[in-house]
Amino acid sequence: MPVYKDKERNTWYVSINYTDSLGQHHKHKKRGFKTRELALDYEAAYRISDKIIKQQITFKQLINDFITYKSTRVKARSLKDFKYLINKQLIPYFGEMVVQKINIPVIEDFQNELLKKNYSNSYTKIIQSMLNRLLNHAVRRMIIDKNPFDYVEFVRHENKKNSSKIRYWTYEEYKAFKTVVNDPDDRLFFDMLYHTGMRIGEVQTRKWSDINWINRDIYVHDNWDEKNHLLSEDTKNGKHRHVLLNKILVKGLKEKYARDKNIDGFNDNCYIFGVYDVIYQQYFTRLKDSYITLYNELHSDKPLNRITLHEFRHSHVSILINSGVKSLTIAERLGHSKEMVERVYGHLFPSERQEILNVIDDLE
């Protein structure tokens, strides 16, 4: 029974031991009740409202619980990214704030401060999404009844250009780039990126044993974590897939296999690029940049736009879209969801507006 008699003061007091929704143990005591019935009423109301229990949980405590929860559910790299974003963008503002006090005005004030930092719209959205995710976690832990972010619109710079616009090379531009790539191994590496749409980390870890020469495909089942310099035993989103190889790649791979098999200790378990060790992305980035610079020096009248290694993947998608390949098929090749392909590359798909006009124009 949590209600006791204070013999010295001739009053009653309440002493409640409880565990909050994050598993932390607490003790709550209230003195000064003239009668036992008043003490019992207070104790009952306290347990029903659970107000004090919830009010004691700070944003930092919520974060610790969120990180612990996610540690067994996401990859190490994703968890590291979560921590970095939270520590840099959310802890300085919300750190010691009690979660229940994070309401609509508080979020809107935070958004106003966020806009003053003049981040890109894409990064501004990422920060807000993380806050929204944490507050959703608070709802699941029954710390708050509703997520206040459900009633707040995401903010963005209306006059800021979209820095996340997809950049890519057309096939004519890519062929022009290859005119200055004389090394066959370098040329094959760029062909792998451009003609398969694989992520750079997936190309880095491909081995000869992944190739099925009869089916003309390559098995993608792991990925190089460039940030931590380690091999991830899974792809970025956990989807394994067989990527078909065109004639250009089959020919280039067979020629490289013939060259590499003369290397001492070579076997099918060697990396296609690097043989015994994964070559870091920084090397390929410098290589790409040097070839673009060379091309632009030779063709100053019509220079190539500089694109990143990841934008070779965008270039591959642009070819598929322009050739009429459906979003679901593209998603399977990339290891994406159909929804993500349509969200990221939607503006590249041909508009159906003209098709609609053609239909209704034919009506008599």
Protein backbone atom coordinates (compact mmCIF):
# COMPACT_ATOMS: atom_id res chain seq x y z
CA MET A 1 0.00 0.00 0.00
CA PRO A 2 1.60 3.35 -1.07
CA VAL A 3 -0.30 5.42 1.59
CA TYR A 4 1.29 5.77 5.03
CA LYS A 5 0.72 7.51 8.35
CA ASP A 6 3.21 10.23 9.37
CA LYS A 7 3.07 9.79 13.14
CA GLU A 8 5.27 12.80 13.88
CA ARG A 9 3.05 15.24 11.95
CA ASN A 10 -0.18 13.30 12.43
CA THR A 11 -0.81 13.42 8.67
CA TRP A 12 -0.75 10.99 5.80
CA TYR A 13 1.71 10.73 2.89
CA VAL A 14 1.97 8.92 -0.45
CA SER A 15 5.11 7.04 -1.58
CA ILE A 16 5.00 5.44 -5.03
CA ASN A 17 7.75 3.41 -6.72
CA TYR A 18 7.38 3.14 -10.46
CA THR A 19 9.20 2.37 -13.71
CA ASP A 20 8.81 4.85 -16.55
CA SER A 21 8.20 3.93 -20.20
CA LEU A 22 11.96 3.86 -20.86
CA GLY A 23 12.54 1.31 -18.09
CA GLN A 24 13.98 3.76 -15.54
CA HIS A 25 13.04 3.31 -11.86
CA HIS A 26 11.69 6.28 -9.87
CA LYS A 27 10.16 7.08 -6.49
CA HIS A 28 7.49 9.74 -5.92
CA LYS A 29 6.54 10.98 -2.41
CA LYS A 30 3.84 13.50 -1.36
CA ARG A 31 3.19 14.54 2.27
CA GLY A 32 0.67 16.59 4.21
CA PHE A 33 -2.67 14.87 3.68
CA LYS A 34 -5.01 15.37 6.64
CA THR A 35 -6.89 12.12 6.08
CA ARG A 36 -6.09 8.72 4.65
CA GLU A 37 -8.91 9.14 2.11
CA LEU A 38 -7.31 12.31 0.68
CA ALA A 39 -3.98 10.51 0.35
CA LEU A 40 -5.66 7.60 -1.43
CA ASP A 41 -7.45 9.99 -3.81
CA TYR A 42 -4.15 11.65 -4.69
CA GLU A 43 -2.44 8.29 -5.26
CA ALA A 44 -5.25 7.10 -7.54
CA ALA A 45 -5.27 10.33 -9.55
CA TYR A 46 -1.50 10.21 -9.88
CA ARG A 47 -1.51 6.69 -11.27
CA ILE A 48 -4.33 7.44 -13.70
CA SER A 49 -2.85 10.63 -15.12
CA ASP A 50 0.75 9.38 -15.20
CA LYS A 51 1.55 13.06 -15.69
CA ILE A 52 4.68 13.36 -13.60
CA ILE A 53 6.14 10.13 -14.93
CA LYS A 54 5.94 11.29 -18.52
CA GLN A 55 7.13 14.81 -17.75
CA GLN A 56 10.40 13.52 -16.33
CA ILE A 57 11.72 12.11 -19.64
CA THR A 58 14.08 14.47 -21.45
CA PHE A 59 14.89 14.63 -25.12
CA LYS A 60 18.37 13.22 -24.40
CA GLN A 61 16.82 10.22 -22.66
CA LEU A 62 14.53 9.71 -25.64
CA ILE A 63 17.53 9.77 -27.97
CA ASN A 64 19.41 7.19 -25.89
CA ASP A 65 16.40 4.89 -26.00
CA PHE A 66 15.96 5.47 -29.75
CA ILE A 67 19.62 4.64 -30.46
CA THR A 68 19.45 1.50 -28.32
CA TYR A 69 16.26 0.43 -30.09
CA LYS A 70 17.73 1.04 -33.56
CA SER A 71 21.09 -0.61 -32.81
CA THR A 72 19.66 -4.07 -33.52
CA ARG A 73 17.46 -2.97 -36.42
CA VAL A 74 19.64 -0.88 -38.76
CA LYS A 75 23.15 -1.16 -40.15
CA ALA A 76 26.12 0.26 -38.24
CA ARG A 77 26.61 2.94 -40.87
CA SER A 78 22.99 4.10 -40.60
CA LEU A 79 23.25 4.21 -36.82
CA LYS A 80 26.41 6.29 -37.07
CA ASP A 81 24.66 8.70 -39.43
CA PHE A 82 21.71 8.97 -37.00
CA LYS A 83 24.03 9.84 -34.11
CA TYR A 84 25.95 12.42 -36.13
CA LEU A 85 22.81 14.21 -37.31
CA ILE A 86 21.17 14.15 -33.87
CA ASN A 87 24.27 15.40 -32.04
CA LYS A 88 24.95 18.14 -34.56
CA GLN A 89 21.44 19.44 -35.26
CA LEU A 90 19.01 18.37 -32.52
CA ILE A 91 20.86 18.01 -29.20
CA PRO A 92 22.01 21.67 -29.11
CA TYR A 93 18.38 22.84 -29.33
CA PHE A 94 16.32 20.15 -27.58
CA GLY A 95 18.91 18.37 -25.39
CA GLU A 96 17.63 18.90 -21.83
CA MET A 97 14.08 19.77 -22.85
CA VAL A 98 11.34 17.54 -21.45
CA VAL A 99 9.73 15.64 -24.33
CA GLN A 100 6.17 16.55 -23.28
CA LYS A 101 7.07 20.23 -23.58
CA ILE A 102 8.00 19.90 -27.24
CA ASN A 103 4.81 21.27 -28.76
CA ILE A 104 3.81 22.95 -32.01
CA PRO A 105 5.21 26.43 -31.13
CA VAL A 106 8.52 24.88 -30.01
CA ILE A 107 8.87 22.98 -33.28
CA GLU A 108 7.99 26.07 -35.32
CA ASP A 109 10.61 28.10 -33.43
CA PHE A 110 13.17 25.39 -34.19
CA GLN A 111 12.21 25.47 -37.87
CA ASN A 112 12.70 29.25 -37.97
CA GLU A 113 16.18 28.84 -36.50
CA LEU A 114 16.87 26.08 -39.02
CA LEU A 115 15.99 28.33 -41.94
CA LYS A 116 18.43 30.96 -40.69
CA LYS A 117 21.28 28.48 -41.18
CA ASN A 118 20.68 28.56 -44.94
CA TYR A 119 21.09 24.83 -45.45
CA SER A 120 19.96 23.23 -48.70
CA ASN A 121 16.30 22.24 -48.84
CA SER A 122 17.21 18.57 -48.98
CA TYR A 123 19.35 18.77 -45.80
CA THR A 124 16.72 20.90 -44.05
CA LYS A 125 14.18 18.18 -44.79
CA ILE A 126 16.52 15.46 -43.45
CA ILE A 127 16.90 17.31 -40.13
CA GLN A 128 13.14 17.77 -39.75
CA SER A 129 12.52 14.14 -40.67
CA MET A 130 14.86 12.99 -37.91
CA LEU A 131 13.02 15.11 -35.33
CA ASN A 132 9.71 13.72 -36.58
CA ARG A 133 11.07 10.18 -36.32
CA LEU A 134 12.19 10.73 -32.73
CA LEU A 135 8.81 12.12 -31.72
CA ASN A 136 7.09 9.15 -33.37
CA HIS A 137 9.33 6.95 -31.23
CA ALA A 138 8.13 8.89 -28.17
CA VAL A 139 4.53 8.06 -29.13
CA ARG A 140 5.37 4.36 -29.47
CA ARG A 141 6.99 4.47 -26.02
CA MET A 142 3.83 6.14 -24.65
CA ILE A 143 5.82 9.17 -23.52
CA ILE A 144 3.46 11.44 -25.46
CA ASP A 145 -0.01 10.70 -26.78
CA LYS A 146 0.40 12.45 -30.15
CA ASN A 147 3.29 13.61 -32.28
CA PRO A 148 3.07 17.43 -32.52
CA PHE A 149 4.98 17.28 -35.80
CA ASP A 150 1.87 15.69 -37.35
CA TYR A 151 0.33 19.17 -37.18
CA VAL A 152 3.33 21.09 -38.52
CA GLU A 153 4.36 21.50 -42.15
CA PHE A 154 7.95 20.92 -43.21
CA VAL A 155 9.70 24.20 -44.01
CA ARG A 156 11.96 24.98 -46.94
CA HIS A 157 13.61 27.94 -48.66
CA GLU A 158 11.14 28.95 -51.36
CA ASN A 159 13.70 30.97 -53.29
CA LYS A 160 16.53 28.47 -53.02
CA LYS A 161 17.37 26.48 -56.12
CA ASN A 162 16.99 22.74 -55.82
CA SER A 163 20.55 21.58 -55.23
CA SER A 164 19.46 17.96 -55.39
CA LYS A 165 18.60 18.12 -59.08
CA ILE A 166 19.59 14.90 -60.82
CA ARG A 167 22.70 15.28 -62.98
CA TYR A 168 23.66 12.71 -65.57
CA TRP A 169 25.49 12.12 -68.86
CA THR A 170 23.71 11.11 -72.03
CA TYR A 171 25.20 8.14 -73.82
CA GLU A 172 26.78 10.47 -76.38
CA GLU A 173 28.46 12.39 -73.56
CA TYR A 174 29.68 9.17 -71.96
CA LYS A 175 31.14 7.94 -75.24
CA ALA A 176 32.90 11.28 -75.61
CA PHE A 177 34.35 10.87 -72.10
CA LYS A 178 35.68 7.41 -72.99
CA THR A 179 37.70 8.77 -75.90
CA VAL A 180 40.35 9.95 -73.42
CA VAL A 181 40.24 6.82 -71.22
CA ASN A 182 43.02 4.75 -72.75
CA ASP A 183 43.64 2.29 -69.91
CA PRO A 184 41.42 -0.79 -70.43
CA ASP A 185 40.95 -1.42 -66.69
CA ASP A 186 39.85 2.17 -66.11
CA ARG A 187 37.51 1.99 -69.07
CA LEU A 188 35.94 -1.22 -67.77
CA PHE A 189 35.40 0.32 -64.33
CA PHE A 190 33.50 3.28 -65.76
CA ASP A 191 31.58 0.93 -68.07
CA MET A 192 30.50 -1.11 -65.04
CA LEU A 193 29.10 2.01 -63.39
CA TYR A 194 27.45 3.39 -66.50
CA HIS A 195 26.03 0.17 -67.99
CA THR A 196 24.81 -1.54 -64.79
CA GLY A 197 23.70 1.33 -62.53
CA MET A 198 25.36 -0.41 -59.59
CA ARG A 199 26.36 1.65 -56.58
CA ILE A 200 30.05 2.48 -56.43
CA GLY A 201 30.42 0.35 -53.28
CA GLU A 202 28.83 -2.60 -55.07
CA VAL A 203 31.25 -2.36 -57.99
CA GLN A 204 34.21 -2.11 -55.60
CA THR A 205 33.41 -5.46 -53.97
CA ARG A 206 32.45 -7.51 -57.02
CA LYS A 207 34.51 -10.66 -57.52
CA TRP A 208 34.97 -12.86 -60.54
CA SER A 209 32.97 -15.57 -58.77
CA ASP A 210 29.94 -13.27 -58.86
CA ILE A 211 29.77 -13.47 -62.66
CA ASN A 212 27.58 -16.04 -64.39
CA TRP A 213 28.99 -16.12 -67.92
CA ILE A 214 26.16 -18.29 -69.24
CA ASN A 215 23.34 -16.10 -67.92
CA ARG A 216 25.36 -12.95 -68.58
CA ASP A 217 24.74 -11.47 -65.17
CA ILE A 218 26.60 -10.47 -62.01
CA TYR A 219 25.41 -11.21 -58.48
CA VAL A 220 25.24 -8.19 -56.15
CA HIS A 221 25.13 -9.26 -52.51
CA ASP A 222 27.49 -7.02 -50.53
CA ASN A 223 28.78 -3.48 -50.48
CA TRP A 224 31.84 -1.44 -49.51
CA ASP A 225 31.31 0.98 -46.63
CA GLU A 226 33.59 3.82 -47.73
CA LYS A 227 33.03 5.90 -44.61
CA ASN A 228 34.25 3.17 -42.25
CA HIS A 229 36.50 1.38 -44.76
CA LEU A 230 34.97 -2.03 -44.22
CA LEU A 231 33.07 -4.66 -46.17
CA SER A 232 29.35 -4.77 -45.45
CA GLU A 233 28.01 -8.30 -45.82
CA ASP A 234 24.84 -6.92 -47.36
CA THR A 235 23.82 -4.31 -49.93
CA LYS A 236 22.86 -0.82 -48.82
CA ASN A 237 19.16 -1.67 -48.51
CA GLY A 238 19.52 -5.43 -47.99
CA LYS A 239 18.29 -6.40 -51.46
CA HIS A 240 20.40 -8.97 -53.32
CA ARG A 241 20.01 -9.07 -57.09
CA HIS A 242 21.39 -10.40 -60.37
CA VAL A 243 22.27 -7.59 -62.78
CA LEU A 244 22.31 -8.42 -66.48
CA LEU A 245 25.47 -7.50 -68.41
CA ASN A 246 25.40 -6.07 -71.93
CA LYS A 247 27.78 -7.12 -74.72
CA ILE A 248 30.17 -4.26 -73.99
CA LEU A 249 30.64 -5.43 -70.42
CA VAL A 250 30.89 -9.14 -71.26
CA LYS A 251 33.63 -8.39 -73.79
CA GLY A 252 35.50 -6.06 -71.42
CA LEU A 253 35.26 -8.47 -68.50
CA LYS A 254 36.53 -11.43 -70.52
CA GLU A 255 39.48 -9.39 -71.73
CA LYS A 256 40.33 -8.30 -68.17
CA TYR A 257 39.97 -11.87 -66.88
CA ALA A 258 42.47 -12.99 -69.50
CA ARG A 259 44.91 -10.30 -68.31
CA ASP A 260 44.41 -10.90 -64.58
CA LYS A 261 44.72 -14.69 -64.64
CA ASN A 262 48.45 -14.28 -65.19
CA ILE A 263 48.79 -12.55 -61.79
CA ASP A 264 50.45 -14.74 -59.19
CA GLY A 265 47.84 -16.22 -56.85
CA PHE A 266 44.90 -15.15 -59.00
CA ASN A 267 41.62 -17.08 -58.62
CA ASP A 268 37.92 -16.46 -59.09
CA ASN A 269 37.65 -15.19 -55.53
CA CYS A 270 39.73 -12.14 -56.43
CA TYR A 271 38.16 -8.72 -56.82
CA ILE A 272 37.50 -7.60 -60.40
CA PHE A 273 39.01 -4.25 -59.49
CA GLY A 274 41.89 -4.50 -57.03
CA VAL A 275 42.53 -8.27 -57.25
CA TYR A 276 43.39 -8.90 -53.55
CA ASP A 277 42.14 -5.69 -51.94
CA VAL A 278 39.27 -3.25 -52.45
CA ILE A 279 40.36 -0.01 -54.12
CA TYR A 280 39.07 3.01 -52.22
CA GLN A 281 36.52 5.30 -53.83
CA GLN A 282 38.83 8.30 -53.49
CA TYR A 283 41.15 6.74 -56.06
CA PHE A 284 38.36 6.31 -58.60
CA THR A 285 37.09 9.83 -57.93
CA ARG A 286 40.51 11.31 -58.68
CA LEU A 287 40.77 9.10 -61.76
CA LYS A 288 37.40 10.27 -63.07
CA ASP A 289 38.21 13.91 -62.41
CA SER A 290 41.56 13.67 -64.18
CA TYR A 291 39.93 12.20 -67.29
CA ILE A 292 37.23 14.88 -67.34
CA THR A 293 39.90 17.56 -67.00
CA LEU A 294 41.88 16.03 -69.86
CA TYR A 295 38.81 15.86 -72.07
CA ASN A 296 37.81 19.45 -71.34
CA GLU A 297 41.31 20.67 -72.10
CA LEU A 298 41.13 18.95 -75.48
CA HIS A 299 37.54 20.07 -76.16
CA SER A 300 37.29 23.51 -74.59
CA ASP A 301 34.60 24.42 -77.13
CA LYS A 302 32.28 21.70 -75.80
CA PRO A 303 33.36 20.63 -72.29
CA LEU A 304 31.70 17.88 -70.29
CA ASN A 305 29.79 18.68 -67.14
CA ARG A 306 31.46 17.26 -64.04
CA ILE A 307 29.43 14.48 -62.44
CA THR A 308 30.10 12.32 -59.42
CA LEU A 309 30.65 8.56 -59.48
CA HIS A 310 27.14 8.10 -58.06
CA GLU A 311 25.74 10.10 -60.96
CA PHE A 312 26.90 7.37 -63.35
CA ARG A 313 24.03 5.47 -61.70
CA HIS A 314 21.67 8.33 -62.53
CA SER A 315 22.97 8.27 -66.09
CA HIS A 316 22.14 4.58 -66.39
CA VAL A 317 18.61 5.21 -65.15
CA SER A 318 18.12 8.05 -67.65
CA ILE A 319 18.95 5.66 -70.51
CA LEU A 320 16.45 3.08 -69.26
CA ILE A 321 13.72 5.67 -68.80
CA ASN A 322 14.29 7.20 -72.23
CA SER A 323 14.10 3.71 -73.69
CA GLY A 324 10.66 3.17 -72.15
CA VAL A 325 11.65 0.76 -69.36
CA LYS A 326 9.03 0.71 -66.58
CA SER A 327 9.82 1.96 -63.10
CA LEU A 328 9.31 -1.48 -61.48
CA THR A 329 11.88 -3.08 -63.80
CA ILE A 330 14.33 -0.26 -63.14
CA ALA A 331 13.80 -0.64 -59.39
CA GLU A 332 14.63 -4.35 -59.53
CA ARG A 333 17.84 -3.62 -61.45
CA LEU A 334 18.94 -0.89 -59.06
CA GLY A 335 17.96 -2.68 -55.86
CA HIS A 336 15.45 0.06 -55.04
CA SER A 337 11.73 0.12 -54.42
CA LYS A 338 9.40 1.19 -57.24
CA GLU A 339 8.25 4.10 -55.08
CA MET A 340 11.80 5.35 -54.54
CA VAL A 341 12.59 5.20 -58.26
CA GLU A 342 9.49 7.23 -59.05
CA ARG A 343 10.24 9.73 -56.29
CA VAL A 344 13.91 10.28 -57.19
CA TYR A 345 13.66 10.00 -60.96
CA GLY A 346 10.01 10.92 -61.50
CA HIS A 347 10.82 14.10 -63.41
CA LEU A 348 12.78 12.06 -65.97
CA PHE A 349 9.79 9.92 -66.92
CA PRO A 350 7.89 11.22 -69.96
CA SER A 351 4.85 13.22 -69.00
CA GLU A 352 1.45 11.64 -69.59
CA ARG A 353 -0.19 15.04 -70.02
CA GLN A 354 0.26 14.97 -73.81
CA GLU A 355 -1.08 11.43 -73.93
CA ILE A 356 -4.22 12.62 -72.12
CA LEU A 357 -4.61 15.53 -74.52
CA ASN A 358 -4.29 13.20 -77.50
CA VAL A 359 -7.09 11.04 -76.11
CA ILE A 360 -9.53 13.84 -75.42
CA ASP A 361 -8.69 15.63 -78.69
CA ASP A 362 -9.93 12.54 -80.56
CA LEU A 363 -13.38 12.90 -79.03
CA GLU A 364 -16.01 14.10 -81.48
